N, C-alpha and C. Protein backbone atom coordinates (compact mmCIF):
# COMPACT_ATOMS: atom_id res chain seq x y z
N MET A 1 -40.39 -71.71 -29.36
CA MET A 1 -41.82 -71.98 -29.36
C MET A 1 -42.18 -72.57 -30.73
N LYS A 2 -42.87 -73.70 -30.71
CA LYS A 2 -43.25 -74.39 -31.93
C LYS A 2 -44.66 -73.95 -32.34
N ILE A 3 -44.76 -73.34 -33.55
CA ILE A 3 -46.01 -72.73 -34.02
C ILE A 3 -46.42 -73.34 -35.35
N THR A 4 -47.73 -73.58 -35.50
CA THR A 4 -48.27 -74.02 -36.78
C THR A 4 -49.53 -73.23 -37.12
N VAL A 5 -49.75 -73.06 -38.42
CA VAL A 5 -50.99 -72.48 -38.91
C VAL A 5 -51.60 -73.50 -39.86
N LEU A 6 -52.86 -73.83 -39.61
CA LEU A 6 -53.60 -74.77 -40.45
C LEU A 6 -54.64 -74.00 -41.26
N PHE A 7 -54.54 -74.07 -42.56
CA PHE A 7 -55.52 -73.45 -43.45
C PHE A 7 -56.43 -74.56 -43.94
N LEU A 8 -57.71 -74.46 -43.63
CA LEU A 8 -58.65 -75.54 -43.93
C LEU A 8 -59.61 -75.16 -45.04
N GLY A 9 -60.08 -76.18 -45.74
CA GLY A 9 -61.10 -75.93 -46.75
C GLY A 9 -61.41 -77.17 -47.56
N ASN A 10 -62.49 -77.06 -48.29
CA ASN A 10 -62.91 -78.11 -49.19
C ASN A 10 -63.11 -77.46 -50.56
N PRO A 11 -62.22 -77.74 -51.52
CA PRO A 11 -62.25 -77.03 -52.79
C PRO A 11 -63.45 -77.32 -53.68
N ILE A 12 -64.25 -78.30 -53.33
CA ILE A 12 -65.41 -78.59 -54.17
C ILE A 12 -66.71 -78.00 -53.61
N PHE A 13 -66.62 -77.25 -52.52
CA PHE A 13 -67.78 -76.59 -51.94
C PHE A 13 -67.59 -75.08 -51.94
N SER A 14 -67.64 -74.48 -53.08
CA SER A 14 -67.61 -73.03 -53.28
C SER A 14 -66.76 -72.29 -52.25
N ASP A 15 -67.37 -71.46 -51.41
CA ASP A 15 -66.63 -70.60 -50.48
C ASP A 15 -65.89 -71.35 -49.40
N ASP A 16 -66.17 -72.62 -49.21
CA ASP A 16 -65.42 -73.37 -48.20
C ASP A 16 -63.94 -73.47 -48.58
N ALA A 17 -63.61 -73.16 -49.81
CA ALA A 17 -62.22 -73.19 -50.27
C ALA A 17 -61.43 -71.95 -49.88
N ILE A 18 -62.03 -70.98 -49.23
CA ILE A 18 -61.33 -69.73 -48.92
C ILE A 18 -60.10 -69.96 -48.05
N GLY A 19 -60.15 -70.88 -47.11
CA GLY A 19 -58.99 -71.16 -46.27
C GLY A 19 -57.82 -71.67 -47.09
N ILE A 20 -58.10 -72.52 -48.07
CA ILE A 20 -57.07 -73.05 -48.96
C ILE A 20 -56.46 -71.92 -49.78
N GLU A 21 -57.30 -71.06 -50.34
CA GLU A 21 -56.81 -69.96 -51.17
C GLU A 21 -55.96 -68.98 -50.36
N VAL A 22 -56.40 -68.63 -49.17
CA VAL A 22 -55.62 -67.72 -48.32
C VAL A 22 -54.30 -68.40 -47.92
N GLY A 23 -54.35 -69.67 -47.62
CA GLY A 23 -53.14 -70.41 -47.27
C GLY A 23 -52.12 -70.40 -48.39
N ARG A 24 -52.58 -70.60 -49.61
CA ARG A 24 -51.67 -70.56 -50.77
C ARG A 24 -51.00 -69.20 -50.90
N ARG A 25 -51.73 -68.16 -50.57
CA ARG A 25 -51.19 -66.81 -50.70
C ARG A 25 -50.21 -66.46 -49.57
N LEU A 26 -50.36 -67.10 -48.41
CA LEU A 26 -49.53 -66.74 -47.25
C LEU A 26 -48.44 -67.75 -46.90
N ILE A 27 -48.46 -68.92 -47.49
CA ILE A 27 -47.56 -69.99 -47.06
C ILE A 27 -46.09 -69.57 -47.08
N ASN A 28 -45.63 -68.94 -48.13
CA ASN A 28 -44.21 -68.58 -48.21
C ASN A 28 -43.82 -67.55 -47.17
N ASP A 29 -44.66 -66.53 -46.96
CA ASP A 29 -44.36 -65.50 -45.96
C ASP A 29 -44.28 -66.10 -44.57
N LEU A 30 -45.17 -67.02 -44.24
CA LEU A 30 -45.19 -67.62 -42.91
C LEU A 30 -44.02 -68.58 -42.71
N LYS A 31 -43.71 -69.36 -43.72
CA LYS A 31 -42.58 -70.29 -43.60
C LYS A 31 -41.26 -69.55 -43.44
N LYS A 32 -41.14 -68.39 -44.07
CA LYS A 32 -39.90 -67.59 -43.97
C LYS A 32 -39.61 -67.18 -42.54
N ILE A 33 -40.65 -67.06 -41.71
CA ILE A 33 -40.43 -66.66 -40.31
C ILE A 33 -40.49 -67.85 -39.35
N GLY A 34 -40.40 -69.06 -39.90
CA GLY A 34 -40.25 -70.25 -39.07
C GLY A 34 -41.53 -70.90 -38.60
N ILE A 35 -42.63 -70.61 -39.25
CA ILE A 35 -43.92 -71.20 -38.87
C ILE A 35 -44.20 -72.41 -39.75
N ASP A 36 -44.63 -73.51 -39.14
CA ASP A 36 -45.06 -74.67 -39.91
C ASP A 36 -46.46 -74.38 -40.46
N VAL A 37 -46.64 -74.58 -41.74
CA VAL A 37 -47.91 -74.27 -42.40
C VAL A 37 -48.43 -75.52 -43.09
N TYR A 38 -49.73 -75.78 -42.89
CA TYR A 38 -50.39 -76.89 -43.58
C TYR A 38 -51.65 -76.37 -44.23
N ILE A 39 -51.82 -76.70 -45.50
CA ILE A 39 -53.05 -76.39 -46.22
C ILE A 39 -53.77 -77.72 -46.37
N LEU A 40 -54.91 -77.83 -45.69
CA LEU A 40 -55.55 -79.14 -45.54
C LEU A 40 -56.95 -79.20 -46.13
N GLU A 41 -57.21 -80.32 -46.79
CA GLU A 41 -58.54 -80.63 -47.30
C GLU A 41 -59.10 -81.82 -46.53
N ARG A 42 -58.55 -82.10 -45.40
CA ARG A 42 -58.90 -83.30 -44.64
C ARG A 42 -60.15 -83.08 -43.78
N THR A 43 -60.73 -84.17 -43.31
CA THR A 43 -61.89 -84.08 -42.44
C THR A 43 -61.47 -83.68 -41.03
N GLY A 44 -62.44 -83.24 -40.26
CA GLY A 44 -62.21 -82.65 -38.95
C GLY A 44 -61.34 -83.44 -37.98
N LEU A 45 -61.63 -84.71 -37.77
CA LEU A 45 -60.91 -85.45 -36.75
C LEU A 45 -59.44 -85.67 -37.11
N SER A 46 -59.10 -85.62 -38.38
CA SER A 46 -57.69 -85.78 -38.75
C SER A 46 -56.87 -84.56 -38.33
N LEU A 47 -57.51 -83.47 -37.95
CA LEU A 47 -56.80 -82.29 -37.48
C LEU A 47 -56.02 -82.56 -36.20
N ILE A 48 -56.47 -83.52 -35.44
CA ILE A 48 -55.79 -83.85 -34.19
C ILE A 48 -54.32 -84.15 -34.44
N ASP A 49 -54.03 -84.84 -35.53
CA ASP A 49 -52.63 -85.17 -35.87
C ASP A 49 -51.79 -83.92 -36.11
N TYR A 50 -52.42 -82.82 -36.51
CA TYR A 50 -51.69 -81.60 -36.85
C TYR A 50 -51.55 -80.62 -35.68
N ILE A 51 -52.23 -80.88 -34.57
CA ILE A 51 -52.13 -79.97 -33.44
C ILE A 51 -51.25 -80.50 -32.31
N VAL A 52 -51.05 -81.82 -32.30
CA VAL A 52 -50.23 -82.43 -31.26
C VAL A 52 -48.78 -81.98 -31.41
N GLY A 53 -48.18 -81.57 -30.31
CA GLY A 53 -46.76 -81.22 -30.31
C GLY A 53 -46.46 -79.76 -30.57
N TYR A 54 -47.48 -78.95 -30.79
CA TYR A 54 -47.26 -77.52 -31.03
C TYR A 54 -47.64 -76.72 -29.79
N ASP A 55 -46.87 -75.66 -29.54
CA ASP A 55 -47.18 -74.75 -28.43
C ASP A 55 -48.31 -73.80 -28.82
N LEU A 56 -48.37 -73.46 -30.09
CA LEU A 56 -49.38 -72.53 -30.59
C LEU A 56 -49.91 -73.05 -31.92
N VAL A 57 -51.23 -73.16 -32.00
CA VAL A 57 -51.91 -73.61 -33.22
C VAL A 57 -52.90 -72.52 -33.61
N ILE A 58 -52.82 -72.11 -34.87
CA ILE A 58 -53.77 -71.16 -35.41
C ILE A 58 -54.49 -71.85 -36.57
N ILE A 59 -55.80 -71.90 -36.49
CA ILE A 59 -56.62 -72.54 -37.52
C ILE A 59 -57.36 -71.46 -38.28
N VAL A 60 -57.28 -71.50 -39.61
CA VAL A 60 -57.99 -70.55 -40.46
C VAL A 60 -59.01 -71.35 -41.27
N ASP A 61 -60.28 -70.97 -41.14
CA ASP A 61 -61.33 -71.72 -41.82
C ASP A 61 -62.51 -70.81 -42.13
N SER A 62 -63.34 -71.27 -43.05
CA SER A 62 -64.56 -70.55 -43.38
C SER A 62 -65.65 -70.93 -42.38
N PHE A 63 -66.54 -69.97 -42.13
CA PHE A 63 -67.69 -70.22 -41.29
C PHE A 63 -68.88 -69.50 -41.88
N LYS A 64 -70.02 -70.11 -41.76
CA LYS A 64 -71.28 -69.49 -42.19
C LYS A 64 -72.15 -69.43 -40.95
N ILE A 65 -72.05 -68.31 -40.23
CA ILE A 65 -72.83 -68.17 -39.00
C ILE A 65 -73.81 -67.02 -39.07
N ASN A 66 -73.78 -66.30 -40.20
CA ASN A 66 -74.72 -65.20 -40.45
C ASN A 66 -74.71 -64.14 -39.36
N GLN A 67 -73.56 -63.93 -38.74
CA GLN A 67 -73.44 -62.87 -37.74
C GLN A 67 -72.61 -61.70 -38.23
N ARG A 68 -71.96 -61.89 -39.39
CA ARG A 68 -71.09 -60.85 -39.95
C ARG A 68 -71.27 -60.86 -41.46
N PRO A 69 -70.86 -59.77 -42.11
CA PRO A 69 -70.96 -59.76 -43.58
C PRO A 69 -69.96 -60.73 -44.21
N PRO A 70 -70.28 -61.30 -45.37
CA PRO A 70 -69.34 -62.19 -46.05
C PRO A 70 -68.00 -61.49 -46.27
N GLY A 71 -66.93 -62.21 -45.97
CA GLY A 71 -65.58 -61.69 -46.14
C GLY A 71 -64.98 -61.12 -44.87
N GLU A 72 -65.78 -60.96 -43.83
CA GLU A 72 -65.24 -60.43 -42.58
C GLU A 72 -64.42 -61.51 -41.88
N VAL A 73 -63.28 -61.10 -41.36
CA VAL A 73 -62.34 -62.00 -40.71
C VAL A 73 -62.32 -61.67 -39.22
N THR A 74 -62.50 -62.68 -38.38
CA THR A 74 -62.52 -62.46 -36.93
C THR A 74 -61.77 -63.56 -36.21
N LEU A 75 -61.28 -63.20 -35.05
CA LEU A 75 -60.72 -64.18 -34.13
C LEU A 75 -61.91 -64.71 -33.35
N SER A 76 -62.15 -65.99 -33.42
CA SER A 76 -63.40 -66.52 -32.90
C SER A 76 -63.23 -67.63 -31.89
N ASN A 77 -64.12 -67.64 -30.95
CA ASN A 77 -64.32 -68.79 -30.09
C ASN A 77 -65.58 -69.46 -30.61
N PHE A 78 -65.42 -70.18 -31.72
CA PHE A 78 -66.56 -70.70 -32.44
C PHE A 78 -67.31 -71.78 -31.68
N LEU A 79 -66.75 -72.31 -30.61
CA LEU A 79 -67.45 -73.35 -29.87
C LEU A 79 -68.73 -72.83 -29.23
N HIS A 80 -68.85 -71.49 -29.13
CA HIS A 80 -70.05 -70.92 -28.55
C HIS A 80 -71.12 -70.61 -29.59
N PHE A 81 -70.78 -70.76 -30.89
CA PHE A 81 -71.75 -70.52 -31.93
C PHE A 81 -72.65 -71.73 -32.07
N SER A 82 -73.85 -71.48 -32.52
CA SER A 82 -74.74 -72.57 -32.86
C SER A 82 -74.50 -72.89 -34.33
N LEU A 83 -73.67 -73.90 -34.58
CA LEU A 83 -73.30 -74.22 -35.94
C LEU A 83 -74.28 -75.22 -36.54
N PRO A 84 -74.46 -75.16 -37.86
CA PRO A 84 -75.34 -76.12 -38.51
C PRO A 84 -74.76 -77.53 -38.40
N ILE A 85 -75.63 -78.51 -38.49
CA ILE A 85 -75.18 -79.89 -38.39
C ILE A 85 -74.31 -80.27 -39.57
N PHE A 86 -74.65 -79.79 -40.77
CA PHE A 86 -73.88 -80.14 -41.96
C PHE A 86 -72.56 -79.38 -41.99
N SER A 87 -71.48 -80.10 -42.18
CA SER A 87 -70.17 -79.49 -42.35
C SER A 87 -69.53 -80.07 -43.60
N PRO A 88 -68.94 -79.24 -44.46
CA PRO A 88 -68.25 -79.79 -45.63
C PRO A 88 -67.06 -80.68 -45.24
N HIS A 89 -66.68 -80.68 -43.98
CA HIS A 89 -65.58 -81.53 -43.51
C HIS A 89 -66.13 -82.78 -42.81
N TYR A 90 -67.41 -83.02 -42.82
CA TYR A 90 -68.08 -84.13 -42.15
C TYR A 90 -68.04 -83.93 -40.64
N ALA A 91 -66.90 -84.03 -40.05
CA ALA A 91 -66.72 -83.61 -38.66
C ALA A 91 -65.91 -82.33 -38.74
N GLY A 92 -66.39 -81.29 -38.11
CA GLY A 92 -65.76 -79.99 -38.26
C GLY A 92 -64.67 -79.72 -37.25
N VAL A 93 -64.21 -78.49 -37.26
CA VAL A 93 -63.14 -78.06 -36.37
C VAL A 93 -63.55 -78.23 -34.91
N SER A 94 -64.76 -77.81 -34.58
CA SER A 94 -65.18 -77.89 -33.18
C SER A 94 -65.19 -79.33 -32.68
N GLU A 95 -65.64 -80.26 -33.51
CA GLU A 95 -65.64 -81.67 -33.10
C GLU A 95 -64.21 -82.18 -32.89
N ALA A 96 -63.31 -81.81 -33.77
CA ALA A 96 -61.92 -82.26 -33.63
C ALA A 96 -61.31 -81.74 -32.33
N LEU A 97 -61.55 -80.47 -32.02
CA LEU A 97 -60.97 -79.90 -30.80
C LEU A 97 -61.63 -80.47 -29.55
N MET A 98 -62.93 -80.76 -29.61
CA MET A 98 -63.58 -81.38 -28.45
C MET A 98 -63.06 -82.79 -28.21
N VAL A 99 -62.84 -83.56 -29.28
CA VAL A 99 -62.30 -84.91 -29.14
C VAL A 99 -60.88 -84.85 -28.59
N SER A 100 -60.05 -83.94 -29.11
CA SER A 100 -58.67 -83.86 -28.62
C SER A 100 -58.63 -83.47 -27.15
N GLN A 101 -59.55 -82.58 -26.75
CA GLN A 101 -59.61 -82.20 -25.34
C GLN A 101 -60.05 -83.39 -24.49
N ALA A 102 -61.03 -84.14 -24.95
CA ALA A 102 -61.51 -85.31 -24.20
C ALA A 102 -60.41 -86.36 -24.07
N LEU A 103 -59.55 -86.45 -25.07
CA LEU A 103 -58.44 -87.41 -25.03
C LEU A 103 -57.26 -86.90 -24.21
N GLY A 104 -57.34 -85.66 -23.76
CA GLY A 104 -56.28 -85.09 -22.94
C GLY A 104 -55.05 -84.66 -23.72
N ILE A 105 -55.17 -84.47 -25.04
CA ILE A 105 -54.01 -84.10 -25.84
C ILE A 105 -54.03 -82.64 -26.26
N ARG A 106 -54.96 -81.90 -25.75
CA ARG A 106 -55.02 -80.47 -26.11
C ARG A 106 -54.30 -79.67 -25.04
N ASN A 107 -52.98 -79.70 -25.10
CA ASN A 107 -52.18 -79.02 -24.10
C ASN A 107 -51.45 -77.82 -24.67
N ASN A 108 -52.04 -77.20 -25.67
CA ASN A 108 -51.41 -76.06 -26.32
C ASN A 108 -52.43 -74.94 -26.48
N SER A 109 -51.97 -73.81 -26.98
CA SER A 109 -52.87 -72.69 -27.25
C SER A 109 -53.41 -72.83 -28.66
N ILE A 110 -54.73 -72.80 -28.79
CA ILE A 110 -55.36 -72.93 -30.10
C ILE A 110 -56.24 -71.72 -30.33
N TYR A 111 -56.03 -71.07 -31.48
CA TYR A 111 -56.82 -69.92 -31.88
C TYR A 111 -57.47 -70.24 -33.22
N VAL A 112 -58.66 -69.73 -33.42
CA VAL A 112 -59.37 -69.94 -34.67
C VAL A 112 -59.66 -68.60 -35.32
N ILE A 113 -59.21 -68.47 -36.56
CA ILE A 113 -59.54 -67.29 -37.36
C ILE A 113 -60.66 -67.71 -38.29
N ALA A 114 -61.80 -67.05 -38.13
CA ALA A 114 -62.99 -67.39 -38.90
C ALA A 114 -63.20 -66.38 -40.03
N ILE A 115 -63.44 -66.91 -41.21
CA ILE A 115 -63.77 -66.08 -42.36
C ILE A 115 -65.24 -66.33 -42.67
N GLU A 116 -66.05 -65.31 -42.45
CA GLU A 116 -67.49 -65.45 -42.76
C GLU A 116 -67.64 -65.53 -44.28
N VAL A 117 -68.34 -66.55 -44.74
CA VAL A 117 -68.51 -66.76 -46.17
C VAL A 117 -69.98 -66.62 -46.58
N TYR A 118 -70.16 -66.54 -47.86
CA TYR A 118 -71.50 -66.39 -48.42
C TYR A 118 -72.15 -67.74 -48.69
N ASP A 119 -71.40 -68.66 -49.31
CA ASP A 119 -71.99 -69.94 -49.72
C ASP A 119 -70.98 -71.08 -49.62
N PRO A 120 -70.91 -71.76 -48.47
CA PRO A 120 -69.99 -72.88 -48.35
C PRO A 120 -70.61 -74.24 -48.71
N TYR A 121 -71.84 -74.26 -49.19
CA TYR A 121 -72.54 -75.52 -49.38
C TYR A 121 -72.81 -75.91 -50.83
N THR A 122 -72.65 -74.98 -51.76
CA THR A 122 -72.92 -75.30 -53.16
C THR A 122 -71.75 -76.09 -53.73
N LEU A 123 -72.08 -77.22 -54.33
CA LEU A 123 -71.07 -78.05 -54.95
C LEU A 123 -70.56 -77.35 -56.20
N GLY A 124 -69.28 -77.09 -56.25
CA GLY A 124 -68.69 -76.44 -57.41
C GLY A 124 -67.42 -75.72 -57.03
N GLU A 125 -66.46 -75.76 -57.95
CA GLU A 125 -65.19 -75.09 -57.69
C GLU A 125 -65.32 -73.61 -57.95
N GLY A 126 -64.56 -72.84 -57.23
CA GLY A 126 -64.57 -71.39 -57.40
C GLY A 126 -65.35 -70.70 -56.30
N LEU A 127 -64.80 -69.59 -55.84
CA LEU A 127 -65.42 -68.81 -54.78
C LEU A 127 -66.60 -68.00 -55.33
N SER A 128 -67.56 -67.71 -54.47
CA SER A 128 -68.65 -66.83 -54.86
C SER A 128 -68.09 -65.44 -55.15
N ARG A 129 -68.80 -64.66 -55.92
CA ARG A 129 -68.36 -63.30 -56.24
C ARG A 129 -68.23 -62.48 -54.95
N GLU A 130 -69.11 -62.71 -53.98
CA GLU A 130 -69.08 -61.97 -52.72
C GLU A 130 -67.77 -62.16 -51.97
N ILE A 131 -67.16 -63.32 -52.13
CA ILE A 131 -65.88 -63.61 -51.47
C ILE A 131 -64.70 -63.33 -52.40
N ALA A 132 -64.81 -63.72 -53.65
CA ALA A 132 -63.71 -63.53 -54.61
C ALA A 132 -63.33 -62.06 -54.74
N ASP A 133 -64.31 -61.18 -54.69
CA ASP A 133 -64.04 -59.74 -54.82
C ASP A 133 -63.28 -59.18 -53.62
N LYS A 134 -63.27 -59.92 -52.52
CA LYS A 134 -62.64 -59.44 -51.29
C LYS A 134 -61.38 -60.23 -50.92
N ILE A 135 -60.86 -61.06 -51.83
CA ILE A 135 -59.79 -61.98 -51.48
C ILE A 135 -58.53 -61.28 -50.99
N GLU A 136 -58.17 -60.14 -51.57
CA GLU A 136 -56.97 -59.42 -51.12
C GLU A 136 -57.13 -58.91 -49.69
N LYS A 137 -58.28 -58.33 -49.39
CA LYS A 137 -58.53 -57.82 -48.03
C LYS A 137 -58.61 -58.98 -47.03
N ILE A 138 -59.27 -60.05 -47.41
CA ILE A 138 -59.37 -61.22 -46.53
C ILE A 138 -57.97 -61.73 -46.20
N THR A 139 -57.13 -61.88 -47.22
CA THR A 139 -55.76 -62.38 -47.02
C THR A 139 -54.98 -61.45 -46.09
N SER A 140 -55.08 -60.16 -46.32
CA SER A 140 -54.39 -59.18 -45.49
C SER A 140 -54.89 -59.24 -44.04
N ASP A 141 -56.19 -59.34 -43.86
CA ASP A 141 -56.77 -59.41 -42.51
C ASP A 141 -56.34 -60.67 -41.78
N VAL A 142 -56.32 -61.80 -42.49
CA VAL A 142 -55.89 -63.06 -41.88
C VAL A 142 -54.42 -62.96 -41.46
N TYR A 143 -53.57 -62.44 -42.34
CA TYR A 143 -52.16 -62.29 -42.01
C TYR A 143 -51.98 -61.40 -40.77
N GLY A 144 -52.70 -60.30 -40.74
CA GLY A 144 -52.61 -59.39 -39.59
C GLY A 144 -53.01 -60.07 -38.29
N LEU A 145 -54.08 -60.85 -38.32
CA LEU A 145 -54.51 -61.58 -37.11
C LEU A 145 -53.49 -62.64 -36.70
N ILE A 146 -52.95 -63.36 -37.67
CA ILE A 146 -51.93 -64.37 -37.35
C ILE A 146 -50.75 -63.71 -36.64
N MET A 147 -50.25 -62.63 -37.18
CA MET A 147 -49.10 -61.95 -36.58
C MET A 147 -49.45 -61.38 -35.20
N ASN A 148 -50.65 -60.86 -35.05
CA ASN A 148 -51.10 -60.34 -33.76
C ASN A 148 -51.13 -61.45 -32.71
N ILE A 149 -51.68 -62.60 -33.08
CA ILE A 149 -51.75 -63.73 -32.15
C ILE A 149 -50.34 -64.18 -31.76
N ILE A 150 -49.47 -64.36 -32.74
CA ILE A 150 -48.11 -64.82 -32.46
C ILE A 150 -47.40 -63.84 -31.55
N ASN A 151 -47.45 -62.56 -31.87
CA ASN A 151 -46.78 -61.56 -31.03
C ASN A 151 -47.32 -61.55 -29.61
N ARG A 152 -48.63 -61.66 -29.46
CA ARG A 152 -49.25 -61.66 -28.13
C ARG A 152 -48.84 -62.89 -27.33
N VAL A 153 -48.87 -64.06 -27.95
CA VAL A 153 -48.54 -65.30 -27.23
C VAL A 153 -47.05 -65.34 -26.90
N VAL A 154 -46.19 -64.94 -27.83
CA VAL A 154 -44.75 -64.95 -27.57
C VAL A 154 -44.41 -63.95 -26.47
N ASP A 155 -45.00 -62.74 -26.51
CA ASP A 155 -44.76 -61.75 -25.45
C ASP A 155 -45.20 -62.28 -24.09
N LYS A 156 -46.34 -62.92 -24.06
CA LYS A 156 -46.85 -63.48 -22.80
C LYS A 156 -45.92 -64.56 -22.26
N LYS A 157 -45.44 -65.42 -23.17
CA LYS A 157 -44.53 -66.48 -22.74
C LYS A 157 -43.21 -65.90 -22.23
N CYS A 158 -42.69 -64.88 -22.91
CA CYS A 158 -41.44 -64.22 -22.48
C CYS A 158 -41.60 -63.58 -21.12
N ASN A 159 -42.74 -62.97 -20.86
CA ASN A 159 -42.99 -62.31 -19.58
C ASN A 159 -43.13 -63.33 -18.45
N GLN A 160 -43.56 -64.55 -18.75
CA GLN A 160 -43.69 -65.59 -17.74
C GLN A 160 -42.35 -66.20 -17.36
N GLU A 161 -41.39 -66.11 -18.26
CA GLU A 161 -40.09 -66.75 -18.02
C GLU A 161 -39.18 -65.82 -17.33
């Protein structure tokens, strides 16, 4: 089974960099178990190039949806959220996945791990204190969800064969 994890972020928009920071902390552990890992600062539609050809895609990104406290990590079906028009990626994750689906190239399992952030819109490097103080827990929670998803999908695939 071909698996990739995409850590997304924009390092010049405060908390939007959380995906990049978590990716830097987890990249070696994930690569050791055979997972392709990409830490991306690219815009939304370029994500299509990174999901084609994988059986399982896990996307880790920041979200500001004001439904959870800053730093909370959840497995999300973000397409049902009412997201703001402005995205630090110009076209966001949801747009990239909708376009790939419309093009008929979304033939894999895609999961999104959402990290609720405090401030993804302020121009400036460095995480807000609300997020920086929780970086170890956020990283641990993201890793736990990644492993949970992989184990669940692999078990399901094994049971089907």
